[in-house]
Amino acid sequence: MHRDPVSDVADAPTRLKPAYPVPYGRPSEAAVKAVMDRVLGYIERETPATLIDVAGKAQGPGGKLAPGSRFRSAYRLTSYEWGVTYSGALLAGEVTGDQRYTHYVAGRLGAVVDTANRYRAQKTAADQTPVHQMLAPGRLDDSGAMAAALIKAQRAGVITQGGAQIQVYLDWISNHQFRLSDGTLARQVPMPNSLWLDDLYMSVPALAQMGALTGERRWFDDAVRQVLQFSERMFVADEGLYRHGWVDGMDPHPSFFWGRANGWAIMATVELLEVLPADHPGRPAILAQLRAHAAGLARMQSGTGLWHQLLDRPDSYLETSATSIYAFALARAINRGWLDRRVYAPVAVLAWNAVTTKVNAAGEVEDVCVGTGMGFEPAFYYYRPRHVRAAHGYGPVLLAGAEIIALLRKDPDGPRANMLFN
């Protein structure tokens, strides 16, 4: 067959393969789970639930627990980061059917609940225990994410002795955490009457899960109120993003669109919608808020699939924990029919593919921003360190992987799947 040499040369560039910086296209379920399994292996190794006394002797399941004991774990098993990890492992076990994930939750979360119950019965001073955040929470960080995970585990039958601890956590959120005059959960640092976007996740999922556990409408009402009142002050509609902080009386309010905080916000929103009754009067507004935020986030995704530390500033570094949270939240919203699959499935899958490049062979999650306060100038966010020991990375990867598997199952291999993912 005769070929026109000029046309052949001119068409040749169109046949070149793109040099994508991350895996591109539809991942297999096995490939997704392999990444999750590496993370599970890492957290299993690094978080033994052995309780040891000050001399290093293991504390048995019976008898009195010694004051000053601690867990041998490299991570704090009662922290909000590990509350997210328990939720992630619980979902991973549910979606994949792999009981290793469920056993992880039963073992670690069960151990801290049992320890708290035993110390509570002994009337040991909270500051003399490794579970002081459980016995005497002093802020939302101590209570919300752990409470949400514990209630989920209790509802699933994975934990059976969590009732007393759930009451402690929810009592703090409802009755002791500082609030503004309209009931919005707030802090007195770094300035009086400050809102931290992070606090949506440190409160709303726990309130929503308590509503699902008890059937009492008041828990849902408070959760809806928090999302809407935070959004009124902190959501910048023109950007489709949330500012990280808000301080009463500050004018104007600085708008630093920190990645992980926006992750906490969208994850809190989807977790609320997951259990919010269909007839709740606040549901349409929450759904509209989710859609506005998802659109803003999608516009900010980088060509690598990751999002930047400051979402609107592409010279800030690419950050893994936020990307993992967005992959989870967008996939969950697609799977529940809250977002258009055609628009957002490619965004979520590209995000997951990018995350896989950040989970190393040991199961460590790389390029995760360490814990971060509220800042009022860009350098504060630009130069926050990244480290594999930043605990914020592990739960979000498990959540994202599990929900991406669920997303893939809704579109079996075929032309439609290729259209969406390739």
Protein backbone atom coordinates (compact mmCIF):
# COMPACT_ATOMS: atom_id res chain seq x y z
CA MET A 1 0.00 0.00 0.00
CA HIS A 2 1.38 3.39 -1.02
CA ARG A 3 1.94 5.87 1.83
CA ASP A 4 2.43 9.57 1.39
CA PRO A 5 5.79 10.20 3.14
CA VAL A 6 4.79 13.74 4.07
CA SER A 7 1.54 12.60 5.75
CA ASP A 8 3.30 9.72 7.49
CA VAL A 9 5.85 12.08 9.01
CA ALA A 10 3.22 14.64 9.97
CA ASP A 11 1.01 12.02 11.66
CA ALA A 12 3.84 10.31 13.52
CA PRO A 13 3.69 12.59 16.62
CA THR A 14 0.04 11.69 17.21
CA ARG A 15 1.10 8.07 17.72
CA LEU A 16 3.58 8.88 20.47
CA LYS A 17 2.81 7.59 23.95
CA PRO A 18 2.36 10.20 26.70
CA ALA A 19 5.00 10.13 29.44
CA TYR A 20 2.68 10.18 32.42
CA PRO A 21 4.41 10.79 35.78
CA VAL A 22 2.02 8.41 37.60
CA PRO A 23 0.23 5.20 36.56
CA TYR A 24 -2.50 6.21 34.14
CA GLY A 25 -5.83 4.63 33.41
CA ARG A 26 -7.99 2.15 35.24
CA PRO A 27 -6.18 0.24 38.02
CA SER A 28 -7.06 -3.34 38.80
CA GLU A 29 -8.70 -4.19 42.08
CA ALA A 30 -5.74 -6.42 42.89
CA ALA A 31 -3.31 -3.54 42.33
CA VAL A 32 -5.31 -1.26 44.62
CA LYS A 33 -5.44 -3.86 47.36
CA ALA A 34 -1.71 -4.56 47.06
CA VAL A 35 -1.01 -0.95 48.01
CA MET A 36 -3.47 -1.15 50.90
CA ASP A 37 -1.88 -4.39 52.08
CA ARG A 38 1.53 -2.74 52.25
CA VAL A 39 0.07 -0.02 54.46
CA LEU A 40 -1.64 -2.62 56.65
CA GLY A 41 1.62 -4.52 57.04
CA TYR A 42 3.38 -1.34 58.11
CA ILE A 43 0.83 -0.29 60.73
CA GLU A 44 0.64 -3.83 62.08
CA ARG A 45 4.41 -3.86 62.60
CA GLU A 46 4.63 -0.37 64.05
CA THR A 47 1.65 -0.44 66.43
CA PRO A 48 1.79 -3.45 68.75
CA ALA A 49 -0.95 -3.05 71.36
CA THR A 50 1.20 -4.48 74.16
CA LEU A 51 0.81 -2.49 77.36
CA ILE A 52 3.99 -2.28 79.43
CA ASP A 53 4.69 -0.81 82.85
CA VAL A 54 7.50 1.60 83.69
CA ALA A 55 9.91 -1.33 84.03
CA GLY A 56 9.00 -2.63 80.58
CA LYS A 57 6.98 -5.59 81.86
CA ALA A 58 3.88 -6.50 79.85
CA GLN A 59 0.56 -5.89 81.58
CA GLY A 60 -1.72 -8.90 81.34
CA PRO A 61 -5.45 -8.98 80.56
CA GLY A 62 -6.36 -9.45 84.21
CA GLY A 63 -5.38 -7.72 87.43
CA LYS A 64 -4.69 -4.12 88.24
CA LEU A 65 -3.02 -1.89 85.68
CA ALA A 66 0.01 0.00 86.92
CA PRO A 67 0.06 3.81 86.76
CA GLY A 68 2.59 5.11 84.26
CA SER A 69 2.15 2.23 81.83
CA ARG A 70 2.37 2.81 78.10
CA PHE A 71 1.74 1.04 74.82
CA ARG A 72 4.77 -0.26 72.96
CA SER A 73 3.39 1.27 69.73
CA ALA A 74 5.42 3.77 67.70
CA TYR A 75 2.21 5.76 67.16
CA ARG A 76 -0.36 7.08 69.62
CA LEU A 77 -3.19 4.58 69.48
CA THR A 78 -5.68 7.08 70.93
CA SER A 79 -4.92 10.06 68.66
CA TYR A 80 -7.26 11.54 66.08
CA GLU A 81 -4.90 10.37 63.33
CA TRP A 82 -5.30 6.83 64.53
CA GLY A 83 -9.05 7.30 64.81
CA VAL A 84 -8.96 7.90 61.05
CA THR A 85 -6.78 4.81 60.67
CA TYR A 86 -9.31 2.65 62.54
CA SER A 87 -12.08 3.98 60.28
CA GLY A 88 -9.94 3.24 57.24
CA ALA A 89 -9.13 -0.30 58.32
CA LEU A 90 -12.78 -0.95 59.20
CA LEU A 91 -13.91 0.15 55.73
CA ALA A 92 -11.09 -1.82 54.08
CA GLY A 93 -12.21 -4.99 55.81
CA GLU A 94 -15.82 -4.38 54.86
CA VAL A 95 -15.09 -3.73 51.18
CA THR A 96 -12.39 -6.31 50.55
CA GLY A 97 -13.61 -9.06 52.87
CA ASP A 98 -10.06 -9.42 54.17
CA GLN A 99 -10.42 -10.02 57.89
CA ARG A 100 -6.88 -8.83 58.62
CA TYR A 101 -8.15 -5.26 58.44
CA THR A 102 -11.07 -5.95 60.75
CA HIS A 103 -8.80 -7.81 63.16
CA TYR A 104 -6.50 -4.81 63.25
CA VAL A 105 -9.38 -2.62 64.42
CA ALA A 106 -10.59 -5.20 66.91
CA GLY A 107 -7.08 -5.63 68.28
CA ARG A 108 -5.88 -2.03 68.58
CA LEU A 109 -9.12 -0.15 69.14
CA GLY A 110 -10.33 -2.97 71.37
CA ALA A 111 -7.13 -2.75 73.41
CA VAL A 112 -7.39 0.98 74.08
CA VAL A 113 -11.08 0.74 74.96
CA ASP A 114 -10.40 -2.12 77.35
CA THR A 115 -7.49 -0.22 78.89
CA ALA A 116 -9.61 2.90 79.36
CA ASN A 117 -12.42 0.88 80.93
CA ARG A 118 -10.01 -0.79 83.36
CA TYR A 119 -8.28 2.42 84.38
CA ARG A 120 -11.68 4.09 84.75
CA ALA A 121 -12.83 1.30 87.07
CA GLN A 122 -9.62 1.63 89.08
CA LYS A 123 -10.16 5.42 89.35
CA THR A 124 -6.55 6.00 88.27
CA ALA A 125 -5.74 9.63 87.52
CA ALA A 126 -6.02 10.16 83.77
CA ASP A 127 -2.54 11.71 83.48
CA GLN A 128 -1.05 8.52 84.93
CA THR A 129 -2.39 6.41 82.05
CA PRO A 130 -1.59 5.97 78.34
CA VAL A 131 -5.26 6.65 77.57
CA HIS A 132 -5.57 10.08 79.20
CA GLN A 133 -7.18 11.52 76.05
CA MET A 134 -9.93 8.94 76.43
CA LEU A 135 -10.46 9.37 80.15
CA ALA A 136 -10.30 13.17 80.18
CA PRO A 137 -10.56 14.67 76.68
CA GLY A 138 -9.68 18.34 76.59
CA ARG A 139 -10.32 19.30 72.97
CA LEU A 140 -11.99 18.08 69.81
CA ASP A 141 -8.74 16.48 68.64
CA ASP A 142 -8.99 14.11 71.60
CA SER A 143 -12.52 13.01 70.93
CA GLY A 144 -14.09 13.39 67.49
CA ALA A 145 -12.20 11.08 65.13
CA MET A 146 -11.79 8.39 67.78
CA ALA A 147 -15.47 8.63 68.69
CA ALA A 148 -16.54 8.26 65.06
CA ALA A 149 -14.35 5.19 64.61
CA LEU A 150 -15.50 3.65 67.87
CA ILE A 151 -19.18 4.11 67.06
CA LYS A 152 -18.67 2.63 63.58
CA ALA A 153 -16.89 -0.35 65.12
CA GLN A 154 -19.62 -0.72 67.75
CA ARG A 155 -22.37 -0.59 65.13
CA ALA A 156 -20.52 -3.20 63.07
CA GLY A 157 -20.14 -5.51 66.07
CA VAL A 158 -16.34 -5.33 65.93
CA ILE A 159 -16.20 -3.65 69.36
CA THR A 160 -18.75 -4.49 72.05
CA GLN A 161 -17.51 -2.68 75.17
CA GLY A 162 -17.32 0.87 73.90
CA GLY A 163 -20.49 2.34 75.36
CA ALA A 164 -18.93 4.15 78.31
CA GLN A 165 -16.18 5.60 76.17
CA ILE A 166 -18.61 6.79 73.50
CA GLN A 167 -20.51 8.69 76.18
CA VAL A 168 -17.32 10.38 77.42
CA TYR A 169 -16.37 11.49 73.91
CA LEU A 170 -19.80 12.81 72.94
CA ASP A 171 -20.26 14.53 76.28
CA TRP A 172 -17.10 16.51 75.58
CA ILE A 173 -18.15 17.48 72.05
CA SER A 174 -21.69 18.44 73.05
CA ASN A 175 -21.26 19.94 76.49
CA HIS A 176 -17.68 21.02 77.13
CA GLN A 177 -16.03 22.15 73.89
CA PHE A 178 -16.11 25.93 73.57
CA ARG A 179 -18.70 27.29 71.12
CA LEU A 180 -19.60 30.66 69.64
CA SER A 181 -22.90 32.21 70.64
CA ASP A 182 -24.68 30.53 67.71
CA GLY A 183 -23.40 27.08 68.73
CA THR A 184 -20.50 26.83 66.27
CA LEU A 185 -17.65 24.76 67.71
CA ALA A 186 -14.64 27.01 68.19
CA ARG A 187 -11.29 27.41 69.94
CA GLN A 188 -9.67 30.14 71.96
CA VAL A 189 -6.32 29.73 70.17
CA PRO A 190 -4.44 31.20 68.41
CA MET A 191 -6.87 34.01 69.21
CA PRO A 192 -10.23 34.16 70.98
CA ASN A 193 -13.21 32.86 68.99
CA SER A 194 -11.19 31.06 66.32
CA LEU A 195 -12.57 28.48 63.91
CA TRP A 196 -10.28 25.75 62.59
CA LEU A 197 -11.55 23.97 59.51
CA ASP A 198 -10.01 20.75 60.85
CA ASP A 199 -12.70 20.75 63.54
CA LEU A 200 -15.39 19.78 61.07
CA TYR A 201 -13.86 16.31 60.98
CA MET A 202 -13.10 16.39 64.69
CA SER A 203 -16.83 16.74 65.42
CA VAL A 204 -19.28 16.13 62.58
CA PRO A 205 -18.65 12.42 61.90
CA ALA A 206 -18.93 11.66 65.63
CA LEU A 207 -22.18 13.60 65.93
CA ALA A 208 -23.56 11.95 62.81
CA GLN A 209 -22.57 8.47 63.94
CA MET A 210 -24.16 9.12 67.32
CA GLY A 211 -27.36 9.98 65.50
CA ALA A 212 -27.15 6.71 63.57
CA LEU A 213 -26.42 4.77 66.77
CA THR A 214 -29.21 6.27 68.87
CA GLY A 215 -31.75 7.42 66.29
CA GLU A 216 -31.96 10.77 68.10
CA ARG A 217 -32.46 13.71 65.75
CA ARG A 218 -30.55 16.19 67.92
CA TRP A 219 -27.20 14.67 66.94
CA PHE A 220 -27.94 15.10 63.24
CA ASP A 221 -29.21 18.63 63.86
CA ASP A 222 -25.93 19.63 65.51
CA ALA A 223 -23.85 18.01 62.77
CA VAL A 224 -25.77 19.85 60.05
CA ARG A 225 -25.47 23.11 61.98
CA GLN A 226 -21.69 22.76 62.18
CA VAL A 227 -21.23 22.16 58.45
CA LEU A 228 -23.49 25.04 57.46
CA GLN A 229 -22.19 27.55 60.00
CA PHE A 230 -18.54 26.71 59.32
CA SER A 231 -19.28 27.04 55.59
CA GLU A 232 -20.97 30.40 56.01
CA ARG A 233 -17.79 31.80 57.55
CA MET A 234 -15.06 29.82 55.83
CA PHE A 235 -16.15 28.69 52.37
CA VAL A 236 -14.99 31.07 49.63
CA ALA A 237 -17.59 30.49 46.95
CA ASP A 238 -15.63 32.11 44.11
CA GLU A 239 -12.83 29.59 44.67
CA GLY A 240 -14.94 26.62 45.70
CA LEU A 241 -12.53 26.13 48.63
CA TYR A 242 -12.42 26.61 52.39
CA ARG A 243 -9.98 28.90 54.12
CA HIS A 244 -8.13 27.12 56.91
CA GLY A 245 -8.88 29.55 59.72
CA TRP A 246 -11.37 32.20 60.74
CA VAL A 247 -11.07 34.59 63.68
CA ASP A 248 -13.98 36.61 64.97
CA GLY A 249 -13.51 40.31 64.18
CA MET A 250 -10.61 39.85 61.75
CA ASP A 251 -11.13 41.90 58.60
CA PRO A 252 -10.48 40.66 56.03
CA HIS A 253 -10.12 36.99 56.90
CA PRO A 254 -6.89 35.59 55.41
CA SER A 255 -7.64 32.86 52.89
CA PHE A 256 -5.05 30.12 52.98
CA PHE A 257 -6.56 27.10 51.30
CA TRP A 258 -4.64 24.38 53.10
CA GLY A 259 -4.95 21.00 51.45
CA ARG A 260 -5.54 18.65 54.37
CA ALA A 261 -7.99 20.97 56.10
CA ASN A 262 -10.09 21.03 52.94
CA GLY A 263 -9.82 17.25 53.08
CA TRP A 264 -11.19 17.14 56.61
CA ALA A 265 -14.09 19.34 55.49
CA ILE A 266 -15.15 17.27 52.47
CA MET A 267 -14.70 14.01 54.37
CA ALA A 268 -16.86 15.30 57.22
CA THR A 269 -19.51 16.26 54.67
CA VAL A 270 -19.67 12.86 52.99
CA GLU A 271 -19.66 11.07 56.35
CA LEU A 272 -22.62 13.18 57.43
CA LEU A 273 -24.52 12.49 54.22
CA GLU A 274 -23.83 8.77 54.64
CA VAL A 275 -26.09 8.55 57.69
CA LEU A 276 -28.20 11.74 57.56
CA PRO A 277 -31.88 10.78 57.20
CA ALA A 278 -33.28 11.39 53.73
CA ASP A 279 -36.03 13.57 55.15
CA HIS A 280 -33.77 15.79 57.26
CA PRO A 281 -34.49 19.42 56.29
CA GLY A 282 -30.77 20.22 56.17
CA ARG A 283 -29.88 17.51 53.67
CA PRO A 284 -30.35 19.58 50.46
CA ALA A 285 -28.06 22.32 51.77
CA ILE A 286 -25.39 19.80 52.79
CA LEU A 287 -25.57 18.15 49.39
CA ALA A 288 -25.26 21.51 47.64
CA GLN A 289 -22.23 22.34 49.78
CA LEU A 290 -20.59 19.03 48.86
CA ARG A 291 -21.08 19.70 45.16
CA ALA A 292 -19.70 23.23 45.35
CA HIS A 293 -16.64 22.05 47.24
CA ALA A 294 -16.02 19.08 44.93
CA ALA A 295 -16.08 21.37 41.90
CA GLY A 296 -13.55 23.68 43.50
CA LEU A 297 -11.24 20.84 44.42
CA ALA A 298 -11.39 19.25 40.98
CA ARG A 299 -10.25 22.53 39.41
CA MET A 300 -7.16 22.53 41.65
CA GLN A 301 -5.90 18.99 40.90
CA SER A 302 -2.40 19.05 39.43
CA GLY A 303 -1.38 17.20 36.30
CA THR A 304 0.27 14.57 38.49
CA GLY A 305 -3.06 13.74 40.15
CA LEU A 306 -1.86 15.12 43.48
CA TRP A 307 -2.97 18.37 45.07
CA HIS A 308 -0.71 21.09 46.42
CA GLN A 309 -0.13 21.91 50.07
CA LEU A 310 -1.80 25.27 49.43
CA LEU A 311 -4.39 24.30 46.86
CA ASP A 312 -4.27 27.46 44.76
CA ARG A 313 -0.50 27.89 44.86
CA PRO A 314 1.22 25.49 42.44
CA ASP A 315 4.68 26.43 43.70
CA SER A 316 3.82 24.81 47.06
CA TYR A 317 4.67 21.14 47.37
CA LEU A 318 2.45 18.22 46.36
CA GLU A 319 0.95 16.57 49.45
CA THR A 320 -0.24 12.99 49.91
CA SER A 321 -2.69 12.95 52.82
CA ALA A 322 -4.97 15.58 51.26
CA THR A 323 -4.90 13.76 47.93
CA SER A 324 -5.84 10.49 49.64
CA ILE A 325 -8.75 12.13 51.44
CA TYR A 326 -10.04 13.69 48.20
CA ALA A 327 -9.81 10.32 46.43
CA PHE A 328 -11.89 8.75 49.20
CA ALA A 329 -14.47 11.54 49.49
CA LEU A 330 -15.02 11.96 45.75
CA ALA A 331 -15.26 8.20 45.19
CA ARG A 332 -17.72 7.85 48.07
CA ALA A 333 -19.86 10.68 46.69
CA ILE A 334 -19.83 9.10 43.23
CA ASN A 335 -20.71 5.68 44.62
CA ARG A 336 -23.68 7.14 46.50
CA GLY A 337 -24.94 9.12 43.50
CA TRP A 338 -24.21 12.54 44.99
CA LEU A 339 -21.72 13.52 42.27
CA ASP A 340 -21.75 12.92 38.51
CA ARG A 341 -19.68 9.83 37.83
CA ARG A 342 -18.66 11.04 34.38
CA VAL A 343 -17.14 14.22 35.82
CA TYR A 344 -15.51 12.99 39.00
CA ALA A 345 -14.53 9.34 38.52
CA PRO A 346 -11.49 10.29 36.41
CA VAL A 347 -10.48 12.81 39.08
CA ALA A 348 -10.76 10.27 41.89
CA VAL A 349 -8.96 7.49 40.03
CA LEU A 350 -6.13 9.76 38.91
CA ALA A 351 -5.79 10.85 42.54
CA TRP A 352 -5.56 7.24 43.68
CA ASN A 353 -3.00 6.42 41.00
CA ALA A 354 -0.91 9.34 42.24
CA VAL A 355 -1.18 8.18 45.85
CA THR A 356 0.18 4.75 44.90
CA THR A 357 3.48 6.37 43.94
CA LYS A 358 3.79 7.68 47.51
CA VAL A 359 3.43 4.33 49.31
CA ASN A 360 6.88 2.83 49.41
CA ALA A 361 7.87 -0.85 49.55
CA ALA A 362 7.80 -0.81 53.36
CA GLY A 363 4.23 0.50 53.38
CA GLU A 364 5.24 3.97 54.56
CA VAL A 365 3.29 6.91 53.14
CA GLU A 366 5.61 9.61 51.86
CA ASP A 367 5.23 13.37 51.45
CA VAL A 368 2.68 13.76 54.24
CA CYS A 369 2.58 17.14 55.93
CA VAL A 370 3.12 16.93 59.68
CA GLY A 371 0.56 18.28 62.16
CA THR A 372 -0.20 21.91 61.40
CA GLY A 373 -1.65 24.82 63.32
CA MET A 374 -3.29 27.90 61.84
CA GLY A 375 -1.11 30.40 60.00
CA PHE A 376 -1.62 33.89 58.62
CA GLU A 377 1.12 34.05 55.99
CA PRO A 378 2.14 31.63 53.24
CA ALA A 379 5.57 30.57 54.47
CA PHE A 380 3.94 28.88 57.45
CA TYR A 381 2.30 26.38 55.09
CA TYR A 382 4.95 26.23 52.38
CA TYR A 383 7.64 24.99 54.73
CA ARG A 384 5.76 22.61 56.98
CA PRO A 385 7.87 19.44 57.09
CA ARG A 386 6.89 16.18 55.39
CA HIS A 387 7.67 12.83 56.96
CA VAL A 388 6.70 9.15 56.75
CA ARG A 389 6.08 9.24 60.52
CA ALA A 390 3.36 11.85 60.06
CA ALA A 391 0.44 9.70 61.19
CA HIS A 392 -2.08 11.57 59.04
CA GLY A 393 -1.24 9.55 55.93
CA TYR A 394 -2.20 6.00 56.84
CA GLY A 395 -5.93 6.09 57.48
CA PRO A 396 -6.68 8.19 54.38
CA VAL A 397 -4.83 5.75 52.11
CA LEU A 398 -6.89 2.84 53.47
CA LEU A 399 -10.11 4.82 53.10
CA ALA A 400 -9.22 5.86 49.56
CA GLY A 401 -8.21 2.38 48.44
CA ALA A 402 -11.38 0.78 49.81
CA GLU A 403 -13.67 3.33 48.18
CA ILE A 404 -11.80 3.18 44.87
CA ILE A 405 -12.33 -0.60 44.85
CA ALA A 406 -16.04 0.01 45.37
CA LEU A 407 -15.95 2.53 42.51
CA LEU A 408 -14.25 0.07 40.17
CA ARG A 409 -16.81 -2.61 40.94
CA LYS A 410 -19.60 -0.31 39.79
CA ASP A 411 -18.05 -0.15 36.31
CA PRO A 412 -16.87 -3.63 35.25
CA ASP A 413 -14.27 -3.79 32.50
CA GLY A 414 -15.68 -2.66 29.21
CA PRO A 415 -16.00 0.30 26.85
CA ARG A 416 -17.83 2.43 29.41
CA ALA A 417 -15.08 1.84 31.98
CA ASN A 418 -12.46 2.74 29.39
CA MET A 419 -14.28 5.95 28.60
CA LEU A 420 -14.32 6.92 32.25
CA PHE A 421 -10.86 5.91 33.29
CA ASN A 422 -8.61 6.00 30.25
